[in-house]
Amino acid sequence: MKMLFVVGCSLGLIILAIAAIGGIILFSIKIIKGGFSHQDRQHQTMETKMVQDIYQGMRKMESRVESLETLIMDQDRKGDKQWDDFNK
């Protein structure tokens, strides 16, 4: 009885392993041949554009912050009276 159980479990595991390997192979073939559907590729393209827009916006903001820092440091070096009053 125990031997039958061991054989049954072994066959079940072998079948699951073959199914998993087959699934991986089919998935790989699908990716190599043409990727995913047209709608999925459009969605990926839109996401890529959004990420690029965000990145460009962050670069512009970084440039603006650097400009503001430069202005503040210049005013601080000059000892601008208005800036001193503002900080109080």
Protein backbone atom coordinates (compact mmCIF):
# COMPACT_ATOMS: atom_id res chain seq x y z
CA MET A 1 0.00 0.00 0.00
CA LYS A 2 2.82 2.38 0.88
CA MET A 3 4.61 1.48 -2.33
CA LEU A 4 1.51 2.41 -4.37
CA PHE A 5 1.31 5.76 -2.61
CA VAL A 6 5.00 6.51 -3.27
CA VAL A 7 4.67 5.55 -6.94
CA GLY A 8 1.53 7.66 -7.32
CA CYS A 9 3.15 10.71 -5.73
CA SER A 10 6.26 10.27 -7.87
CA LEU A 11 4.21 10.08 -11.07
CA GLY A 12 2.20 13.13 -9.99
CA LEU A 13 5.36 15.14 -9.39
CA ILE A 14 6.80 14.04 -12.73
CA ILE A 15 3.62 15.12 -14.53
CA LEU A 16 3.65 18.51 -12.74
CA ALA A 17 7.33 19.02 -13.63
CA ILE A 18 6.67 18.21 -17.30
CA ALA A 19 3.70 20.61 -17.35
CA ALA A 20 5.76 23.39 -15.77
CA ILE A 21 8.64 22.91 -18.21
CA GLY A 22 6.18 22.86 -21.13
CA GLY A 23 4.56 26.08 -19.90
CA ILE A 24 7.93 27.79 -19.63
CA ILE A 25 8.87 26.67 -23.13
CA LEU A 26 5.56 27.89 -24.60
CA PHE A 27 5.88 31.23 -22.80
CA SER A 28 9.45 31.63 -24.10
CA ILE A 29 8.37 30.87 -27.66
CA LYS A 30 5.56 33.44 -27.42
CA ILE A 31 7.96 36.12 -26.20
CA ILE A 32 10.53 35.32 -28.89
CA LYS A 33 8.03 35.20 -31.77
CA GLY A 34 6.08 38.36 -31.17
CA GLY A 35 5.84 39.33 -27.58
CA PHE A 36 2.44 40.12 -26.29
CA SER A 37 -0.71 41.46 -27.89
CA HIS A 38 -0.92 44.81 -29.67
CA GLN A 39 -2.88 46.27 -26.78
CA ASP A 40 -0.22 45.22 -24.28
CA ARG A 41 2.49 46.82 -26.40
CA GLN A 42 0.47 50.04 -26.67
CA HIS A 43 0.03 50.10 -22.90
CA GLN A 44 3.76 49.57 -22.42
CA THR A 45 4.51 52.39 -24.88
CA MET A 46 2.19 54.75 -23.01
CA GLU A 47 3.84 53.88 -19.70
CA THR A 48 7.27 54.48 -21.19
CA LYS A 49 6.20 57.92 -22.44
CA MET A 50 4.76 58.80 -19.03
CA VAL A 51 7.99 57.82 -17.29
CA GLN A 52 10.00 59.88 -19.77
CA ASP A 53 7.73 62.90 -19.22
CA ILE A 54 8.11 62.56 -15.46
CA TYR A 55 11.88 62.29 -15.81
CA GLN A 56 12.03 65.41 -18.02
CA GLY A 57 9.84 67.30 -15.55
CA MET A 58 12.10 66.31 -12.68
CA ARG A 59 15.17 67.50 -14.61
CA LYS A 60 13.51 70.86 -15.27
CA MET A 61 12.55 71.16 -11.60
CA GLU A 62 16.12 70.32 -10.57
CA SER A 63 17.40 73.08 -12.85
CA ARG A 64 14.93 75.56 -11.34
CA VAL A 65 15.92 74.62 -7.80
CA GLU A 66 19.59 75.06 -8.66
CA SER A 67 18.82 78.50 -10.11
CA LEU A 68 16.93 79.49 -6.97
CA GLU A 69 19.78 78.26 -4.79
CA THR A 70 22.21 80.35 -6.83
CA LEU A 71 20.04 83.44 -6.46
CA ILE A 72 19.70 82.96 -2.72
CA MET A 73 23.43 82.41 -2.26
CA ASP A 74 24.24 85.48 -4.36
CA GLN A 75 21.86 87.62 -2.34
CA ASP A 76 23.29 86.24 0.88
CA ARG A 77 26.86 87.05 -0.22
CA LYS A 78 25.90 90.58 -1.20
CA GLY A 79 24.24 91.07 2.17
CA ASP A 80 20.97 92.18 0.58
CA LYS A 81 18.97 94.14 3.15
CA GLN A 82 15.60 92.82 1.90
CA TRP A 83 16.76 89.22 2.25
CA ASP A 84 17.97 89.82 5.80
CA ASP A 85 14.60 91.34 6.70
CA PHE A 86 12.80 88.41 5.13
CA ASN A 87 14.75 85.86 7.19
CA LYS A 88 13.90 87.56 10.50
